[in-house]
Amino acid sequence: MLAILLSLQRLLVPMDDVQTDHLKAYGLAYWSIKNGFKTWWILNYRGGSFMIEFSPEVMRRATEMGVLLETIGDAQLSEIYKTVEESNMEMVELVKAPKVAVYAPPYNEPWDDAVELALKYAEIPYDRVWDEDVLSGKLSQYDWLHLHHEDFTGMLGKFWASYRNAPWYIRMEKINLEMAHKLGFKTIPDLKRAVAFKIRDFVANGGFLFAMCSAPITLDIALASWKTDIADTPFDGDPPDPDFQSKLDYSQTIAFTNFKVIPDPAIYEHSDIDVTMEASMRGPESYFVLFEFSAKFDPIPTLLTQDHTNAIPEFLGQDTGFRKDKLKPYVVIMGEVPGTDEAKYIYGTYGKGFFSYLGGHDPEDFRHFVGEKPTNLKEHPHSPGYRLILNNVLLPSMKKKKLKT
């Protein structure tokens, strides 16, 4: 009789305001999938709650992680099913623990990447890959790739004007140039462009790509500039092609189009896609708002926007957000700053795969400076911005029949 009763029970991981640690909850969901426990994501139900088959092991693991669980019986489960059926909700099964990679250079510092902070805090395993791994084809081993806040134009983050004499900048330049020469490239821009095309191939072949800050925009700039030289003298030894703008090929890009590139090494900006100046002037009291999607017909953007609030504090980065008129027609805006032309959070399909971009550097720090201490997520276990990052990690877990647009 006990076995029968247990089989009728489920464990609910509520993701509304009662949850004790929203970010660790993603790690629990990942752990349950990886260890063979049936796991579901109930989209739009109580902040995007997870449901896991009943098991004392899952309960123990939740206790260890500090994640709140609710035990639900057959009657409660039937009520949840009824609510989901009658509302803008959907229950999707999570069937795979994705193999996760983070593209990150060996010189990155603790302040560099919010995604690594999120993965470590949520206890989701990942590997780090860099240029040699990408060009050797290693990305085929992974389901999900995040791009560290890389500058794929090869302009080294455009930190030259302010930091070219800083030891960390000199080291960054040295390591990148050594890697370029090792792999047969004359310059860093040449190397990064080749890496950009391999990353694009990863998506086209069915991979899931997530990127923040400068990576999304510079990736497309590198792709568009394959027939011209956009790098100035400090980065490749010669000035840019005087006709570089007319030679940009937007047919090669993933998400952006009709943009202008800014090669001047003294200007801390890569293109006119970004909205950092305007966002900075609006200040730390501004918010971006998530859109609500149809859970039954648009499961991917619905999954990617699961949160316990739809208004999230703005945060800056080298690239903070994306001008709407620079987006390709098929790009879906999932979050925007109301009353502005800033798209903060976007996604789309490319080939057989998916990409999702979030503007800004750190969701819990409006203006994050070089050398600043990394955010301590123990102080932000309910961060709605970090939840968006972790939504993306679990996207490849969805049962294939739900992965449609």
Protein backbone atom coordinates (compact mmCIF):
# COMPACT_ATOMS: atom_id res chain seq x y z
CA MET A 1 0.00 0.00 0.00
CA LEU A 2 2.84 2.41 0.85
CA ALA A 3 4.41 1.81 -2.57
CA ILE A 4 1.08 2.62 -4.26
CA LEU A 5 0.69 5.82 -2.27
CA LEU A 6 4.23 6.91 -3.05
CA SER A 7 3.69 6.28 -6.76
CA LEU A 8 0.81 8.76 -6.69
CA GLN A 9 2.94 11.50 -5.16
CA ARG A 10 5.06 14.11 -6.86
CA LEU A 11 7.50 16.69 -5.58
CA LEU A 12 6.75 20.26 -6.60
CA VAL A 13 9.59 22.77 -6.73
CA PRO A 14 7.60 26.03 -6.47
CA MET A 15 9.20 28.95 -8.28
CA ASP A 16 6.99 31.74 -6.99
CA ASP A 17 7.84 33.88 -3.97
CA VAL A 18 7.73 30.99 -1.48
CA GLN A 19 10.87 29.37 -2.93
CA THR A 20 13.85 29.57 -0.58
CA ASP A 21 16.48 29.53 -3.34
CA HIS A 22 15.32 30.09 -6.92
CA LEU A 23 18.78 29.68 -8.44
CA LYS A 24 19.65 26.43 -6.66
CA ALA A 25 16.27 25.07 -7.83
CA TYR A 26 17.62 24.91 -11.36
CA GLY A 27 20.53 22.87 -10.11
CA LEU A 28 18.12 20.49 -8.41
CA ALA A 29 16.15 20.10 -11.63
CA TYR A 30 19.37 19.42 -13.55
CA TRP A 31 20.48 16.89 -10.92
CA SER A 32 17.14 15.08 -11.01
CA ILE A 33 17.24 14.77 -14.81
CA LYS A 34 20.84 13.58 -14.76
CA ASN A 35 20.07 10.96 -12.14
CA GLY A 36 17.10 9.52 -13.98
CA PHE A 37 14.18 10.99 -12.03
CA LYS A 38 11.24 12.03 -14.16
CA THR A 39 11.17 15.80 -14.22
CA TRP A 40 8.72 18.31 -15.66
CA TRP A 41 8.67 22.07 -16.06
CA ILE A 42 5.20 23.57 -15.57
CA LEU A 43 5.47 26.71 -17.67
CA ASN A 44 3.68 29.78 -16.28
CA TYR A 45 2.54 27.85 -13.18
CA ARG A 46 3.64 29.56 -9.95
CA GLY A 47 6.60 31.29 -11.57
CA GLY A 48 7.55 28.34 -13.73
CA SER A 49 7.65 25.53 -11.17
CA PHE A 50 9.36 22.19 -11.60
CA MET A 51 7.78 18.84 -10.74
CA ILE A 52 9.81 15.72 -9.97
CA GLU A 53 8.74 12.16 -9.31
CA PHE A 54 8.66 11.36 -5.60
CA SER A 55 11.92 10.02 -4.19
CA PRO A 56 13.63 10.26 -0.81
CA GLU A 57 16.87 10.85 -2.74
CA VAL A 58 15.45 13.96 -4.39
CA MET A 59 14.19 15.18 -1.02
CA ARG A 60 17.62 14.70 0.53
CA ARG A 61 19.30 16.50 -2.33
CA ALA A 62 16.86 19.41 -2.07
CA THR A 63 17.57 19.71 1.65
CA GLU A 64 21.33 19.75 0.97
CA MET A 65 20.85 22.53 -1.60
CA GLY A 66 18.41 24.56 0.46
CA VAL A 67 15.61 24.24 -2.09
CA LEU A 68 11.98 24.20 -0.97
CA LEU A 69 9.84 21.23 -2.02
CA GLU A 70 6.12 20.60 -1.68
CA THR A 71 4.75 17.07 -1.69
CA ILE A 72 1.62 16.73 -3.82
CA GLY A 73 -0.73 13.78 -3.95
CA ASP A 74 -3.02 12.49 -6.64
CA ALA A 75 -5.85 14.95 -5.98
CA GLN A 76 -3.51 17.95 -6.03
CA LEU A 77 -1.83 16.67 -9.17
CA SER A 78 -5.19 16.36 -10.91
CA GLU A 79 -5.97 19.94 -9.94
CA ILE A 80 -2.63 21.11 -11.38
CA TYR A 81 -3.34 19.28 -14.64
CA LYS A 82 -6.76 20.93 -14.80
CA THR A 83 -5.30 24.37 -14.14
CA VAL A 84 -2.65 23.89 -16.81
CA GLU A 85 -5.20 22.68 -19.35
CA GLU A 86 -7.51 25.66 -18.80
CA SER A 87 -4.85 28.38 -18.59
CA ASN A 88 -1.91 29.81 -20.51
CA MET A 89 0.29 27.09 -19.09
CA GLU A 90 1.99 23.95 -20.34
CA MET A 91 3.71 20.98 -18.75
CA VAL A 92 6.85 19.91 -20.59
CA GLU A 93 8.98 16.94 -19.73
CA LEU A 94 12.71 17.49 -19.26
CA VAL A 95 14.44 14.39 -20.57
CA LYS A 96 18.12 15.27 -20.95
CA ALA A 97 20.79 16.82 -18.77
CA PRO A 98 22.53 18.96 -21.40
CA LYS A 99 26.28 18.88 -21.75
CA VAL A 100 27.30 22.48 -21.13
CA ALA A 101 30.32 24.40 -22.39
CA VAL A 102 31.44 27.94 -21.62
CA TYR A 103 33.70 29.64 -24.13
CA ALA A 104 36.15 31.40 -21.82
CA PRO A 105 39.79 32.45 -22.22
CA PRO A 106 42.44 31.29 -19.75
CA TYR A 107 43.01 34.83 -18.50
CA ASN A 108 39.44 35.59 -17.44
CA GLU A 109 39.05 37.11 -13.99
CA PRO A 110 36.35 36.50 -11.34
CA TRP A 111 34.41 39.60 -12.37
CA ASP A 112 34.22 38.49 -15.99
CA ASP A 113 31.19 36.29 -16.46
CA ALA A 114 27.76 36.07 -14.83
CA VAL A 115 27.02 32.70 -16.44
CA GLU A 116 29.94 30.94 -14.79
CA LEU A 117 28.84 32.44 -11.48
CA ALA A 118 25.31 31.12 -12.07
CA LEU A 119 26.42 27.63 -13.09
CA LYS A 120 28.75 27.28 -10.12
CA TYR A 121 26.14 28.53 -7.67
CA ALA A 122 23.42 26.27 -9.08
CA GLU A 123 25.88 23.34 -9.09
CA ILE A 124 25.42 22.63 -12.78
CA PRO A 125 28.57 21.05 -14.28
CA TYR A 126 30.22 22.57 -17.32
CA ASP A 127 33.45 22.52 -19.30
CA ARG A 128 35.44 25.49 -20.46
CA VAL A 129 36.49 25.69 -24.09
CA TRP A 130 38.49 28.24 -26.02
CA ASP A 131 39.75 28.95 -29.52
CA GLU A 132 41.78 25.79 -30.07
CA ASP A 133 38.88 23.64 -28.89
CA VAL A 134 36.41 25.46 -31.14
CA LEU A 135 38.56 25.23 -34.27
CA SER A 136 39.31 21.54 -33.66
CA GLY A 137 35.60 20.70 -33.71
CA LYS A 138 35.15 20.05 -30.00
CA LEU A 139 31.84 21.94 -29.86
CA SER A 140 30.14 18.92 -31.44
CA GLN A 141 30.45 17.22 -28.03
CA TYR A 142 28.15 19.78 -26.38
CA ASP A 143 24.45 20.62 -26.40
CA TRP A 144 24.70 24.16 -25.02
CA LEU A 145 27.34 26.84 -25.40
CA HIS A 146 27.71 30.14 -23.61
CA LEU A 147 30.03 32.82 -24.88
CA HIS A 148 32.12 34.53 -22.25
CA HIS A 149 32.01 38.27 -22.85
CA GLU A 150 34.39 37.90 -25.75
CA ASP A 151 35.21 40.44 -28.44
CA PHE A 152 35.06 38.41 -31.65
CA THR A 153 36.24 41.39 -33.71
CA GLY A 154 39.70 40.81 -32.26
CA MET A 155 39.79 44.34 -30.84
CA LEU A 156 40.37 42.98 -27.32
CA GLY A 157 37.24 44.49 -25.82
CA LYS A 158 38.25 47.93 -27.06
CA PHE A 159 40.04 48.42 -23.75
CA TRP A 160 43.12 49.72 -25.58
CA ALA A 161 42.48 53.43 -24.93
CA SER A 162 42.09 53.07 -21.16
CA TYR A 163 43.98 49.93 -20.20
CA ARG A 164 46.68 49.18 -22.78
CA ASN A 165 49.41 49.56 -20.15
CA ALA A 166 47.61 47.48 -17.51
CA PRO A 167 49.29 44.11 -16.80
CA TRP A 168 46.04 42.20 -17.38
CA TYR A 169 45.59 43.83 -20.82
CA ILE A 170 49.18 43.10 -21.84
CA ARG A 171 48.72 39.48 -20.77
CA MET A 172 45.41 39.19 -22.64
CA GLU A 173 46.98 40.53 -25.83
CA LYS A 174 50.01 38.24 -25.50
CA ILE A 175 47.97 35.07 -24.95
CA ASN A 176 45.62 35.82 -27.83
CA LEU A 177 48.46 36.60 -30.24
CA GLU A 178 50.32 33.45 -29.24
CA MET A 179 47.16 31.40 -29.85
CA ALA A 180 46.64 33.05 -33.24
CA HIS A 181 50.19 32.20 -34.34
CA LYS A 182 49.93 28.66 -32.95
CA LEU A 183 46.80 28.04 -35.02
CA GLY A 184 48.25 29.55 -38.19
CA PHE A 185 46.71 33.04 -38.13
CA LYS A 186 48.65 36.25 -38.63
CA THR A 187 46.50 38.43 -36.37
CA ILE A 188 44.04 38.16 -33.50
CA PRO A 189 41.14 39.48 -35.66
CA ASP A 190 41.83 36.70 -38.19
CA LEU A 191 41.69 34.08 -35.44
CA LYS A 192 38.51 35.41 -33.86
CA ARG A 193 36.71 35.60 -37.20
CA ALA A 194 37.46 31.93 -37.83
CA VAL A 195 36.20 31.07 -34.36
CA ALA A 196 33.01 33.07 -35.00
CA PHE A 197 32.21 31.01 -38.08
CA LYS A 198 32.74 27.76 -36.17
CA ILE A 199 30.36 28.98 -33.46
CA ARG A 200 27.81 29.86 -36.11
CA ASP A 201 28.20 26.33 -37.51
CA PHE A 202 27.54 24.92 -34.04
CA VAL A 203 24.17 26.67 -33.97
CA ALA A 204 23.31 25.83 -37.56
CA ASN A 205 23.95 22.15 -36.83
CA GLY A 206 21.49 22.11 -33.92
CA GLY A 207 23.33 23.63 -30.98
CA PHE A 208 21.92 25.97 -28.34
CA LEU A 209 23.80 29.26 -27.99
CA PHE A 210 23.47 31.77 -25.16
CA ALA A 211 25.51 34.96 -24.97
CA MET A 212 25.62 38.24 -23.06
CA CYS A 213 27.32 41.64 -23.11
CA SER A 214 29.75 42.15 -26.01
CA ALA A 215 29.65 38.60 -27.38
CA PRO A 216 26.36 38.71 -29.38
CA ILE A 217 27.14 41.91 -31.27
CA THR A 218 30.84 41.28 -31.88
CA LEU A 219 30.06 37.75 -33.09
CA ASP A 220 27.87 39.17 -35.86
CA ILE A 221 30.36 41.95 -36.66
CA ALA A 222 33.06 39.31 -37.15
CA LEU A 223 30.76 37.29 -39.42
CA ALA A 224 29.71 40.32 -41.48
CA SER A 225 33.30 41.53 -41.98
CA TRP A 226 34.65 38.34 -43.55
CA LYS A 227 35.51 40.20 -46.80
CA THR A 228 37.08 43.30 -45.26
CA ASP A 229 39.41 44.60 -42.55
CA ILE A 230 37.66 46.51 -39.75
CA ALA A 231 40.47 46.40 -37.18
CA ASP A 232 42.61 49.47 -36.58
CA THR A 233 46.40 49.54 -36.20
CA PRO A 234 46.65 48.63 -32.47
CA PHE A 235 44.91 45.32 -33.17
CA ASP A 236 46.38 44.03 -36.42
CA GLY A 237 49.22 46.38 -37.37
CA ASP A 238 47.45 48.35 -40.10
CA PRO A 239 44.45 50.68 -40.46
CA PRO A 240 41.02 49.40 -41.44
CA ASP A 241 39.89 49.15 -45.03
CA PRO A 242 38.58 52.65 -45.88
CA ASP A 243 35.55 51.03 -47.54
CA PHE A 244 34.89 48.50 -44.78
CA GLN A 245 31.32 49.67 -44.12
CA SER A 246 30.16 49.07 -47.68
CA LYS A 247 31.77 45.63 -47.69
CA LEU A 248 29.93 44.27 -44.64
CA ASP A 249 27.93 41.17 -45.56
CA TYR A 250 24.83 40.98 -43.37
CA SER A 251 23.75 37.72 -45.01
CA GLN A 252 26.39 36.00 -42.88
CA THR A 253 25.11 37.22 -39.51
CA ILE A 254 22.92 35.43 -37.00
CA ALA A 255 20.77 38.11 -35.36
CA PHE A 256 21.67 41.64 -36.47
CA THR A 257 21.60 43.57 -39.74
CA ASN A 258 22.21 47.01 -41.28
CA PHE A 259 24.55 48.07 -38.50
CA LYS A 260 27.52 50.41 -38.63
CA VAL A 261 30.86 49.37 -37.19
CA ILE A 262 33.01 51.71 -35.07
CA PRO A 263 36.68 50.72 -35.53
CA ASP A 264 38.20 53.73 -33.72
CA PRO A 265 40.28 52.25 -30.85
CA ALA A 266 39.67 55.36 -28.74
CA ILE A 267 35.89 54.83 -28.74
CA TYR A 268 34.63 52.23 -26.27
CA GLU A 269 31.90 50.93 -28.56
CA HIS A 270 31.84 48.44 -31.44
CA SER A 271 28.73 49.45 -33.37
CA ASP A 272 25.46 51.34 -33.43
CA ILE A 273 23.50 48.25 -32.34
CA ASP A 274 24.19 48.88 -28.66
CA VAL A 275 22.22 51.24 -26.35
CA THR A 276 24.61 51.59 -23.41
CA MET A 277 24.80 55.39 -23.50
CA GLU A 278 21.02 55.81 -23.33
CA ALA A 279 20.65 53.10 -20.68
CA SER A 280 23.35 54.73 -18.57
CA MET A 281 21.52 58.06 -18.72
CA ARG A 282 18.26 56.40 -17.61
CA GLY A 283 20.05 55.20 -14.49
CA PRO A 284 19.70 52.26 -12.08
CA GLU A 285 16.00 52.82 -11.40
CA SER A 286 15.00 51.66 -14.88
CA TYR A 287 13.56 48.23 -15.64
CA PHE A 288 13.11 45.93 -18.57
CA VAL A 289 9.90 43.96 -18.92
CA LEU A 290 9.42 40.36 -20.04
CA PHE A 291 6.70 39.55 -22.54
CA GLU A 292 4.18 36.80 -21.92
CA PHE A 293 4.01 34.12 -24.60
CA SER A 294 1.54 31.35 -25.36
CA ALA A 295 2.80 28.35 -23.42
CA LYS A 296 0.95 25.86 -25.60
CA PHE A 297 1.98 27.33 -28.96
CA ASP A 298 5.27 29.12 -28.21
CA PRO A 299 6.97 26.88 -25.64
CA ILE A 300 10.53 28.10 -26.26
CA PRO A 301 10.12 31.83 -25.54
CA THR A 302 7.72 30.87 -22.75
CA LEU A 303 10.39 28.67 -21.17
CA LEU A 304 13.10 31.30 -21.62
CA THR A 305 11.03 33.97 -19.84
CA GLN A 306 9.98 31.95 -16.79
CA ASP A 307 10.36 34.13 -13.69
CA HIS A 308 8.60 35.19 -10.52
CA THR A 309 8.37 38.77 -11.80
CA ASN A 310 8.07 40.29 -15.25
CA ALA A 311 9.89 43.54 -14.37
CA ILE A 312 13.65 43.19 -13.89
CA PRO A 313 16.15 45.94 -12.99
CA GLU A 314 18.24 47.13 -15.93
CA PHE A 315 21.96 46.40 -15.86
CA LEU A 316 24.73 47.74 -18.06
CA GLY A 317 27.50 46.04 -19.95
CA GLN A 318 29.88 46.93 -22.71
CA ASP A 319 26.83 46.12 -24.79
CA THR A 320 23.67 46.67 -22.73
CA GLY A 321 20.85 46.05 -25.20
CA PHE A 322 20.02 45.88 -28.87
CA ARG A 323 18.35 48.50 -31.06
CA LYS A 324 15.17 47.01 -32.46
CA ASP A 325 15.76 48.32 -35.97
CA LYS A 326 19.02 46.35 -36.13
CA LEU A 327 17.35 42.98 -35.51
CA LYS A 328 16.71 40.53 -38.32
CA PRO A 329 13.00 39.96 -39.01
CA TYR A 330 12.88 36.49 -37.47
CA VAL A 331 14.36 37.56 -34.13
CA VAL A 332 11.85 37.39 -31.27
CA ILE A 333 12.01 40.08 -28.60
CA MET A 334 11.41 38.54 -25.17
CA GLY A 335 12.19 41.58 -23.03
CA GLU A 336 12.39 45.31 -23.63
CA VAL A 337 12.73 48.60 -21.81
CA PRO A 338 9.27 50.19 -22.19
CA GLY A 339 9.13 53.44 -24.09
CA THR A 340 12.55 52.94 -25.70
CA ASP A 341 13.98 51.17 -28.74
CA GLU A 342 15.96 48.79 -26.53
CA ALA A 343 15.41 45.06 -26.91
CA LYS A 344 17.08 43.59 -23.82
CA TYR A 345 16.44 39.88 -24.30
CA ILE A 346 16.02 38.16 -27.68
CA TYR A 347 15.97 34.72 -29.23
CA GLY A 348 15.69 33.06 -32.62
CA THR A 349 16.39 29.98 -34.66
CA TYR A 350 19.36 29.62 -36.97
CA GLY A 351 19.59 26.53 -39.12
CA LYS A 352 18.72 23.58 -36.88
CA GLY A 353 19.66 25.39 -33.69
CA PHE A 354 18.65 28.20 -31.35
CA PHE A 355 20.28 31.35 -30.02
CA SER A 356 19.31 33.54 -27.08
CA TYR A 357 20.99 36.84 -26.19
CA LEU A 358 20.71 38.92 -23.03
CA GLY A 359 22.22 42.41 -23.02
CA GLY A 360 24.36 43.59 -20.12
CA HIS A 361 27.10 42.17 -17.92
CA ASP A 362 25.79 41.25 -14.46
CA PRO A 363 22.07 41.15 -13.55
CA GLU A 364 22.79 42.13 -9.95
CA ASP A 365 25.12 45.06 -10.62
CA PHE A 366 23.89 48.05 -12.60
CA ARG A 367 27.41 49.15 -13.57
CA HIS A 368 30.11 46.52 -13.18
CA PHE A 369 33.69 47.81 -13.41
CA VAL A 370 36.88 46.06 -14.44
CA GLY A 371 38.57 44.75 -11.31
CA GLU A 372 35.43 44.85 -9.20
CA LYS A 373 34.72 41.89 -6.92
CA PRO A 374 32.41 39.26 -8.43
CA THR A 375 28.78 39.18 -7.37
CA ASN A 376 28.14 36.84 -4.45
CA LEU A 377 25.02 34.90 -5.44
CA LYS A 378 24.52 33.75 -1.85
CA GLU A 379 23.25 37.31 -1.40
CA HIS A 380 20.96 37.05 -4.45
CA PRO A 381 19.32 33.58 -4.42
CA HIS A 382 16.10 35.03 -5.88
CA SER A 383 17.68 37.11 -8.65
CA PRO A 384 15.18 37.37 -11.54
CA GLY A 385 17.96 38.33 -13.95
CA TYR A 386 20.07 35.30 -13.07
CA ARG A 387 16.95 33.16 -13.48
CA LEU A 388 16.89 34.14 -17.15
CA ILE A 389 20.42 32.77 -17.53
CA LEU A 390 19.47 29.47 -15.92
CA ASN A 391 16.28 29.16 -17.99
CA ASN A 392 18.56 28.98 -21.00
CA VAL A 393 20.70 26.20 -19.57
CA LEU A 394 17.69 23.87 -19.37
CA LEU A 395 16.32 24.65 -22.85
CA PRO A 396 18.03 21.61 -24.44
CA SER A 397 16.36 19.42 -21.80
CA MET A 398 12.90 19.86 -23.32
CA LYS A 399 11.38 16.83 -24.96
CA LYS A 400 12.04 17.16 -28.68
CA LYS A 401 8.41 17.37 -29.75
CA LYS A 402 8.14 20.67 -27.82
CA LEU A 403 11.15 22.20 -29.60
CA LYS A 404 9.21 23.90 -32.35
CA THR A 405 8.64 27.51 -33.29
